Structure formats: C-alpha cells, structure tokens
Protein backbone atom coordinates (compact mmCIF):
# COMPACT_ATOMS: atom_id res chain seq x y z
CA MET A 1 142.22 193.61 131.50
CA LYS A 2 141.25 197.44 131.63
CA LYS A 3 142.99 200.19 133.80
CA TYR A 4 140.78 202.12 135.85
CA VAL A 5 140.89 205.21 138.57
CA ILE A 6 138.59 204.84 141.02
CA GLU A 7 137.70 208.26 143.34
CA ARG A 8 136.75 206.87 146.72
CA GLN A 9 135.07 209.59 149.32
CA ILE A 10 136.59 208.64 152.59
CA PRO A 11 136.51 211.62 155.32
CA GLY A 12 139.75 211.43 156.90
CA VAL A 13 141.48 208.86 155.13
CA ASP A 14 144.57 211.62 154.68
CA LYS A 15 144.87 211.10 158.62
CA MET A 16 144.84 207.92 159.03
CA GLY A 17 147.97 205.90 160.47
CA ALA A 18 149.63 203.18 159.55
CA SER A 19 147.56 200.25 161.00
CA ASP A 20 144.33 201.61 159.90
CA LEU A 21 145.61 201.81 156.46
CA SER A 22 146.95 198.08 156.99
CA GLY A 23 143.63 197.22 157.90
CA ALA A 24 142.07 199.09 154.88
CA ALA A 25 144.45 197.45 152.81
CA LYS A 26 143.41 194.04 154.38
CA THR A 27 140.15 194.51 153.87
CA SER A 28 140.70 195.30 150.45
CA ASN A 29 142.81 192.05 149.62
CA THR A 30 139.95 190.00 150.97
CA ALA A 31 137.85 191.51 148.45
CA LEU A 32 140.01 191.10 145.83
CA ALA A 33 140.83 187.07 146.46
CA GLN A 34 137.23 186.58 146.28
CA LEU A 35 137.15 188.27 142.97
CA ALA A 36 140.78 187.09 141.11
CA PRO A 37 141.44 187.40 138.38
CA LYS A 38 138.98 189.82 137.37
CA VAL A 39 140.17 192.70 139.25
CA GLN A 40 143.72 193.57 140.45
CA TRP A 41 144.73 196.69 142.88
CA VAL A 42 147.64 198.38 141.50
CA HIS A 43 148.13 201.00 143.95
CA SER A 44 146.16 203.96 145.56
CA TYR A 45 147.10 207.91 146.13
CA LEU A 46 145.65 209.34 149.41
CA ALA A 47 144.34 212.90 149.13
CA GLN A 48 142.27 215.01 151.83
CA ASP A 49 138.95 212.43 152.47
CA LYS A 50 139.56 211.05 149.09
CA THR A 51 141.53 208.42 147.76
CA PHE A 52 142.17 208.11 143.63
CA CYS A 53 142.76 203.80 143.10
CA ILE A 54 144.39 202.46 140.16
CA TYR A 55 142.84 199.02 139.13
CA LEU A 56 142.95 196.54 136.53
CA ALA A 57 139.75 194.70 135.90
CA GLU A 58 137.53 193.42 133.18
CA ASN A 59 134.93 195.92 133.40
CA GLU A 60 133.34 198.67 135.70
CA ASP A 61 130.88 196.01 137.16
CA ALA A 62 134.19 194.04 138.74
CA ILE A 63 134.87 197.35 140.26
CA ARG A 64 131.70 197.90 141.75
CA GLU A 65 131.49 194.25 143.04
CA HIS A 66 134.53 195.03 144.78
CA ALA A 67 133.03 198.01 146.67
CA ARG A 68 130.22 195.91 147.47
CA ILE A 69 132.80 193.50 148.90
CA SER A 70 134.83 195.40 150.71
CA GLY A 71 132.59 198.17 151.93
CA PHE A 72 134.80 200.70 150.39
CA PRO A 73 132.83 203.09 148.13
CA ALA A 74 133.53 203.65 144.56
CA ASN A 75 131.85 207.23 144.04
CA LYS A 76 133.74 207.88 140.32
CA ILE A 77 135.16 205.05 138.29
CA THR A 78 136.70 206.33 135.39
CA GLU A 79 138.31 203.81 132.21
CA VAL A 80 141.76 205.07 131.36
CA THR A 81 142.11 205.23 127.64
CA GLY A 82 145.78 206.35 127.23
CA MET A 83 148.13 207.67 129.11
CA ILE A 84 151.03 210.96 128.67
CA ASP A 85 154.44 211.57 130.22
CA PRO A 86 157.36 213.71 129.50
CA THR A 87 158.73 211.32 127.05
CA THR A 88 155.92 211.82 125.15
CA ALA A 89 157.21 215.26 123.84
CA ARG A 90 159.78 213.45 122.02
CA GLY A 91 157.12 212.25 119.24
C-alpha cells in the first residue's frame, strides 16, 4: 500500500461540531467498507475550509473512488515518497 495526503476543500469544515464530524466520519467509513482492503483512512487534519487526510491505498484511482462514493472532494492527491522528523538529524 502507498501512503497519500488528500487535500479536500470543504468550506466551514474547521467550524463543524462533534456531531457533524461524527457524521462525516461515518460517511467515509461506509465508503471505505465498500472498497476494503484497497483503501484505508489513517487520520485527517482540519484547517480553515480544508482537510488534509492521510490514507493508505493501492493507487490514486482507489482514492478517487472513495471520493466519488463518499461525496467528499479529493481536490489534490499527493503520494508520500518519504518522511523525515527530528530524529533524521542523527543520520
């Protein structure tokens, strides 16, 4: 599985309450169940009018199919090719 960052433009998402976020997660989970095991949702970050979602997937087409089924946009899909963190400085 490859790792992806999906940018979704969703006006007002940063102002949604717990109930709305719960409903969004349920909608996403329903779509994921239909696509399993091709796509897995790891977690999402909320920002002003956007989410940045981390997914594991076989390919971009699987991400796009999740977007189609769930109704959530996938405005930008970027494959993660590596990772660094503070411990990378150790060599």
